[in-house]
Amino acid sequence: MAQILTLSGSTIKQPKSFTIEQYYLSKAGRTADGTMHIDKIADKRKFLFEYDALRGDDLTTILAVLQGSNVFFTLTYRDNGVAKSATVYVGAITKQQFRTDGYWVWTDVSFDLIEQ
């Protein structure tokens, strides 16, 4: 069964690759005796999307949210069969435009969503 992904309530096309990175933010430093101290601040996720090709209307749906007036938006997805959501913002968006049979297609589309 395909993953159903939404951005601020808008269903987006299933990507070729949807990867979730999990990491934590920390503050680290050494005391005068050389001992390392680390304070864990928060657990965070980064979501990586990759598409081989997208029609213009599919890309427009995605960009309407990613480049809209709100900096933060909601991503909903399933992780191990469990519905989850995250408040995210977008990193870099890469894409290449390609014309075929009289219409435009965007190829090699990728973007990352980073948890707030």
N, C-alpha and C. Protein backbone atom coordinates (compact mmCIF):
# COMPACT_ATOMS: atom_id res chain seq x y z
N MET A 1 0.83 -1.17 0.00
CA MET A 1 0.00 0.00 0.00
C MET A 1 0.88 1.24 0.00
N ALA A 2 0.55 2.21 -0.82
CA ALA A 2 1.35 3.41 -0.95
C ALA A 2 1.19 4.30 0.27
N GLN A 3 2.24 4.99 0.58
CA GLN A 3 2.26 5.97 1.67
C GLN A 3 1.38 7.16 1.27
N ILE A 4 0.50 7.60 2.13
CA ILE A 4 -0.29 8.81 1.87
C ILE A 4 0.36 9.94 2.64
N LEU A 5 0.82 10.94 1.91
CA LEU A 5 1.51 12.07 2.51
C LEU A 5 0.69 13.33 2.28
N THR A 6 0.59 14.16 3.30
CA THR A 6 -0.08 15.45 3.13
C THR A 6 0.80 16.56 3.67
N LEU A 7 0.69 17.71 3.03
CA LEU A 7 1.34 18.94 3.48
C LEU A 7 0.24 19.94 3.75
N SER A 8 0.09 20.34 4.99
CA SER A 8 -0.97 21.27 5.40
C SER A 8 -2.33 20.85 4.86
N GLY A 9 -2.61 19.55 4.89
CA GLY A 9 -3.90 19.02 4.47
C GLY A 9 -4.02 18.69 3.00
N SER A 10 -3.06 19.08 2.17
CA SER A 10 -3.09 18.77 0.73
C SER A 10 -2.33 17.47 0.46
N THR A 11 -3.01 16.49 -0.12
CA THR A 11 -2.36 15.22 -0.46
C THR A 11 -1.39 15.47 -1.60
N ILE A 12 -0.17 14.95 -1.46
CA ILE A 12 0.84 15.11 -2.51
C ILE A 12 1.16 13.75 -3.13
N LYS A 13 1.73 13.80 -4.31
CA LYS A 13 2.07 12.58 -5.05
C LYS A 13 3.11 11.77 -4.26
N GLN A 14 2.97 10.45 -4.35
CA GLN A 14 3.90 9.53 -3.70
C GLN A 14 5.30 9.72 -4.28
N PRO A 15 6.31 10.02 -3.45
CA PRO A 15 7.66 10.17 -3.98
C PRO A 15 8.30 8.82 -4.29
N LYS A 16 9.33 8.85 -5.13
CA LYS A 16 10.11 7.65 -5.39
C LYS A 16 10.77 7.19 -4.10
N SER A 17 11.25 8.15 -3.32
CA SER A 17 11.93 7.85 -2.08
C SER A 17 11.47 8.82 -0.99
N PHE A 18 11.08 8.27 0.15
CA PHE A 18 10.70 9.06 1.32
C PHE A 18 11.51 8.52 2.48
N THR A 19 12.49 9.29 2.94
CA THR A 19 13.41 8.85 3.98
C THR A 19 13.23 9.71 5.22
N ILE A 20 13.25 9.08 6.37
CA ILE A 20 13.15 9.80 7.64
C ILE A 20 14.48 9.65 8.38
N GLU A 21 15.12 10.77 8.66
CA GLU A 21 16.32 10.78 9.49
C GLU A 21 15.91 11.19 10.90
N GLN A 22 16.41 10.51 11.89
CA GLN A 22 16.14 10.87 13.28
C GLN A 22 17.46 11.24 13.93
N TYR A 23 17.47 12.34 14.63
CA TYR A 23 18.68 12.78 15.31
C TYR A 23 18.30 13.61 16.52
N TYR A 24 19.27 13.96 17.32
CA TYR A 24 18.95 14.84 18.45
C TYR A 24 19.89 16.02 18.45
N LEU A 25 19.37 17.11 18.97
CA LEU A 25 20.15 18.33 19.11
C LEU A 25 20.75 18.34 20.50
N SER A 26 21.98 18.79 20.59
CA SER A 26 22.65 18.80 21.88
C SER A 26 23.54 20.04 22.00
N LYS A 27 23.90 20.30 23.23
CA LYS A 27 24.86 21.35 23.54
C LYS A 27 26.02 20.64 24.22
N ALA A 28 27.21 20.76 23.67
CA ALA A 28 28.35 20.02 24.20
C ALA A 28 29.52 20.95 24.48
N GLY A 29 30.31 20.55 25.43
CA GLY A 29 31.52 21.30 25.76
C GLY A 29 32.34 20.55 26.79
N ARG A 30 33.56 20.97 26.95
CA ARG A 30 34.46 20.34 27.93
C ARG A 30 34.70 21.29 29.10
N THR A 31 34.81 20.69 30.26
CA THR A 31 35.16 21.47 31.44
C THR A 31 36.68 21.59 31.52
N ALA A 32 37.18 22.36 32.47
CA ALA A 32 38.62 22.62 32.59
C ALA A 32 39.43 21.34 32.77
N ASP A 33 38.83 20.29 33.33
CA ASP A 33 39.59 19.03 33.51
C ASP A 33 39.56 18.14 32.27
N GLY A 34 38.92 18.62 31.19
CA GLY A 34 38.89 17.88 29.94
C GLY A 34 37.72 16.93 29.78
N THR A 35 36.82 16.88 30.76
CA THR A 35 35.67 15.99 30.68
C THR A 35 34.62 16.57 29.74
N MET A 36 34.14 15.73 28.84
CA MET A 36 33.09 16.14 27.89
C MET A 36 31.73 16.07 28.58
N HIS A 37 30.94 17.13 28.40
CA HIS A 37 29.58 17.18 28.92
C HIS A 37 28.64 17.47 27.76
N ILE A 38 27.56 16.71 27.69
CA ILE A 38 26.59 16.89 26.62
C ILE A 38 25.20 16.96 27.23
N ASP A 39 24.47 18.01 26.88
CA ASP A 39 23.07 18.14 27.28
C ASP A 39 22.21 17.88 26.05
N LYS A 40 21.36 16.88 26.14
CA LYS A 40 20.43 16.59 25.05
C LYS A 40 19.31 17.61 25.11
N ILE A 41 19.09 18.32 24.00
CA ILE A 41 18.09 19.38 23.96
C ILE A 41 16.77 18.87 23.40
N ALA A 42 16.81 18.14 22.28
CA ALA A 42 15.56 17.68 21.67
C ALA A 42 15.82 16.58 20.65
N ASP A 43 14.82 15.71 20.46
CA ASP A 43 14.82 14.74 19.36
C ASP A 43 14.16 15.41 18.17
N LYS A 44 14.74 15.27 17.00
CA LYS A 44 14.19 15.90 15.79
C LYS A 44 14.22 14.91 14.64
N ARG A 45 13.42 15.22 13.60
CA ARG A 45 13.36 14.40 12.40
C ARG A 45 13.58 15.29 11.17
N LYS A 46 14.14 14.67 10.15
CA LYS A 46 14.30 15.32 8.85
C LYS A 46 13.72 14.37 7.82
N PHE A 47 12.89 14.90 6.92
CA PHE A 47 12.18 14.09 5.94
C PHE A 47 12.72 14.42 4.56
N LEU A 48 13.23 13.42 3.84
CA LEU A 48 13.82 13.63 2.53
C LEU A 48 12.90 13.06 1.46
N PHE A 49 12.55 13.89 0.49
CA PHE A 49 11.65 13.51 -0.61
C PHE A 49 12.44 13.51 -1.91
N GLU A 50 12.24 12.48 -2.74
CA GLU A 50 12.86 12.42 -4.07
C GLU A 50 11.83 11.94 -5.07
N TYR A 51 11.76 12.64 -6.21
CA TYR A 51 10.88 12.27 -7.31
C TYR A 51 11.71 12.16 -8.58
N ASP A 52 11.47 11.11 -9.38
CA ASP A 52 12.11 11.03 -10.69
C ASP A 52 11.54 12.10 -11.60
N ALA A 53 10.21 12.23 -11.60
CA ALA A 53 9.54 13.20 -12.46
C ALA A 53 8.20 13.59 -11.85
N LEU A 54 7.83 14.85 -12.05
CA LEU A 54 6.53 15.35 -11.59
C LEU A 54 5.91 16.18 -12.70
N ARG A 55 4.61 16.02 -12.89
CA ARG A 55 3.88 16.91 -13.80
C ARG A 55 3.82 18.29 -13.13
N GLY A 56 3.59 19.29 -13.96
CA GLY A 56 3.53 20.65 -13.44
C GLY A 56 2.50 20.84 -12.35
N ASP A 57 1.31 20.23 -12.50
CA ASP A 57 0.27 20.42 -11.48
C ASP A 57 0.62 19.74 -10.17
N ASP A 58 1.33 18.60 -10.23
CA ASP A 58 1.77 17.94 -9.00
C ASP A 58 2.80 18.79 -8.26
N LEU A 59 3.73 19.37 -9.01
CA LEU A 59 4.74 20.24 -8.40
C LEU A 59 4.09 21.51 -7.85
N THR A 60 3.12 22.06 -8.56
CA THR A 60 2.43 23.26 -8.09
C THR A 60 1.74 23.01 -6.75
N THR A 61 1.13 21.84 -6.57
CA THR A 61 0.49 21.49 -5.30
C THR A 61 1.50 21.51 -4.16
N ILE A 62 2.66 20.93 -4.40
CA ILE A 62 3.71 20.89 -3.38
C ILE A 62 4.26 22.28 -3.09
N LEU A 63 4.59 23.03 -4.15
CA LEU A 63 5.19 24.35 -3.97
C LEU A 63 4.23 25.36 -3.36
N ALA A 64 2.93 25.17 -3.56
CA ALA A 64 1.95 26.08 -2.96
C ALA A 64 2.09 26.08 -1.44
N VAL A 65 2.43 24.94 -0.87
CA VAL A 65 2.64 24.86 0.57
C VAL A 65 4.07 25.27 0.93
N LEU A 66 5.05 24.69 0.25
CA LEU A 66 6.45 24.92 0.60
C LEU A 66 6.87 26.38 0.45
N GLN A 67 6.32 27.06 -0.53
CA GLN A 67 6.71 28.44 -0.78
C GLN A 67 5.59 29.43 -0.47
N GLY A 68 4.61 28.98 0.30
CA GLY A 68 3.49 29.84 0.67
C GLY A 68 3.89 30.84 1.74
N SER A 69 2.91 31.52 2.28
CA SER A 69 3.17 32.58 3.26
C SER A 69 3.54 32.04 4.64
N ASN A 70 3.22 30.79 4.93
CA ASN A 70 3.57 30.20 6.23
C ASN A 70 4.94 29.54 6.16
N VAL A 71 5.78 29.88 7.12
CA VAL A 71 7.11 29.28 7.17
C VAL A 71 7.04 27.84 7.67
N PHE A 72 6.17 27.59 8.65
CA PHE A 72 5.99 26.25 9.20
C PHE A 72 4.67 25.66 8.72
N PHE A 73 4.65 24.37 8.48
CA PHE A 73 3.44 23.69 8.04
C PHE A 73 3.45 22.26 8.56
N THR A 74 2.32 21.57 8.42
CA THR A 74 2.17 20.23 8.96
C THR A 74 2.37 19.17 7.89
N LEU A 75 3.21 18.21 8.18
CA LEU A 75 3.42 17.02 7.35
C LEU A 75 2.75 15.86 8.07
N THR A 76 1.90 15.12 7.38
CA THR A 76 1.35 13.88 7.94
C THR A 76 1.85 12.72 7.09
N TYR A 77 2.15 11.60 7.75
CA TYR A 77 2.72 10.43 7.10
C TYR A 77 2.48 9.22 7.98
N ARG A 78 2.89 8.05 7.52
CA ARG A 78 2.77 6.83 8.33
C ARG A 78 4.18 6.30 8.58
N ASP A 79 4.41 5.89 9.81
CA ASP A 79 5.70 5.32 10.20
C ASP A 79 5.41 3.98 10.87
N ASN A 80 5.82 2.90 10.23
CA ASN A 80 5.53 1.55 10.74
C ASN A 80 4.04 1.32 10.89
N GLY A 81 3.27 1.88 9.97
CA GLY A 81 1.83 1.70 9.98
C GLY A 81 1.07 2.64 10.91
N VAL A 82 1.79 3.49 11.64
CA VAL A 82 1.18 4.40 12.59
C VAL A 82 1.14 5.81 11.99
N ALA A 83 -0.04 6.44 12.03
CA ALA A 83 -0.18 7.81 11.52
C ALA A 83 0.58 8.76 12.43
N LYS A 84 1.40 9.62 11.81
CA LYS A 84 2.18 10.60 12.56
C LYS A 84 2.13 11.93 11.85
N SER A 85 2.51 12.96 12.58
CA SER A 85 2.59 14.29 11.98
C SER A 85 3.76 15.04 12.58
N ALA A 86 4.19 16.07 11.88
CA ALA A 86 5.29 16.91 12.36
C ALA A 86 5.09 18.32 11.82
N THR A 87 5.47 19.29 12.63
CA THR A 87 5.52 20.68 12.16
C THR A 87 6.90 20.88 11.58
N VAL A 88 6.96 21.28 10.31
CA VAL A 88 8.23 21.32 9.57
C VAL A 88 8.39 22.63 8.81
N TYR A 89 9.61 22.85 8.34
CA TYR A 89 9.91 23.91 7.38
C TYR A 89 10.76 23.30 6.28
N VAL A 90 10.85 23.96 5.15
CA VAL A 90 11.53 23.39 3.99
C VAL A 90 12.98 23.87 3.91
N GLY A 91 13.85 22.96 3.47
CA GLY A 91 15.23 23.29 3.15
C GLY A 91 15.32 23.62 1.67
N ALA A 92 16.41 23.24 1.04
CA ALA A 92 16.60 23.50 -0.40
C ALA A 92 15.65 22.64 -1.24
N ILE A 93 15.19 23.22 -2.35
CA ILE A 93 14.35 22.50 -3.32
C ILE A 93 15.14 22.46 -4.63
N THR A 94 15.37 21.27 -5.17
CA THR A 94 16.05 21.16 -6.45
C THR A 94 15.13 20.52 -7.47
N LYS A 95 15.24 20.98 -8.73
CA LYS A 95 14.41 20.44 -9.81
C LYS A 95 15.00 20.84 -11.14
N GLN A 96 14.69 20.04 -12.15
CA GLN A 96 15.10 20.35 -13.52
C GLN A 96 13.87 20.30 -14.41
N GLN A 97 13.78 21.28 -15.30
CA GLN A 97 12.62 21.33 -16.20
C GLN A 97 12.96 20.59 -17.50
N PHE A 98 11.98 19.81 -17.99
CA PHE A 98 12.17 19.00 -19.19
C PHE A 98 10.89 19.05 -20.01
N ARG A 99 11.00 19.30 -21.29
CA ARG A 99 9.83 19.36 -22.16
C ARG A 99 9.74 18.07 -22.97
N THR A 100 8.54 17.47 -22.97
CA THR A 100 8.33 16.25 -23.73
C THR A 100 6.91 16.23 -24.29
N ASP A 101 6.77 15.85 -25.52
CA ASP A 101 5.46 15.70 -26.17
C ASP A 101 4.53 16.89 -25.95
N GLY A 102 5.07 18.09 -25.96
CA GLY A 102 4.25 19.28 -25.88
C GLY A 102 3.88 19.75 -24.49
N TYR A 103 4.42 19.14 -23.43
CA TYR A 103 4.15 19.64 -22.08
C TYR A 103 5.42 19.55 -21.24
N TRP A 104 5.40 20.28 -20.14
CA TRP A 104 6.57 20.36 -19.27
C TRP A 104 6.47 19.34 -18.14
N VAL A 105 7.62 18.75 -17.85
CA VAL A 105 7.75 17.82 -16.74
C VAL A 105 8.96 18.27 -15.92
N TRP A 106 8.86 18.15 -14.62
CA TRP A 106 9.98 18.47 -13.75
C TRP A 106 10.64 17.15 -13.36
N THR A 107 11.96 17.05 -13.54
CA THR A 107 12.69 15.83 -13.23
C THR A 107 13.65 16.06 -12.07
N ASP A 108 14.08 14.97 -11.48
CA ASP A 108 15.06 15.02 -10.38
C ASP A 108 14.66 16.04 -9.32
N VAL A 109 13.42 15.97 -8.89
CA VAL A 109 12.90 16.88 -7.87
C VAL A 109 13.23 16.31 -6.49
N SER A 110 13.79 17.16 -5.64
CA SER A 110 14.05 16.72 -4.27
C SER A 110 13.94 17.91 -3.32
N PHE A 111 13.54 17.60 -2.09
CA PHE A 111 13.50 18.62 -1.05
C PHE A 111 13.52 17.92 0.30
N ASP A 112 13.95 18.66 1.30
CA ASP A 112 13.98 18.16 2.68
C ASP A 112 13.04 19.00 3.52
N LEU A 113 12.35 18.34 4.43
CA LEU A 113 11.53 19.03 5.42
C LEU A 113 12.14 18.76 6.78
N ILE A 114 12.38 19.82 7.53
CA ILE A 114 13.07 19.72 8.81
C ILE A 114 12.10 20.05 9.93
N GLU A 115 12.09 19.21 10.96
CA GLU A 115 11.17 19.42 12.07
C GLU A 115 11.52 20.71 12.83
N GLN A 116 10.48 21.44 13.21
CA GLN A 116 10.65 22.72 13.92
C GLN A 116 11.37 22.53 15.25
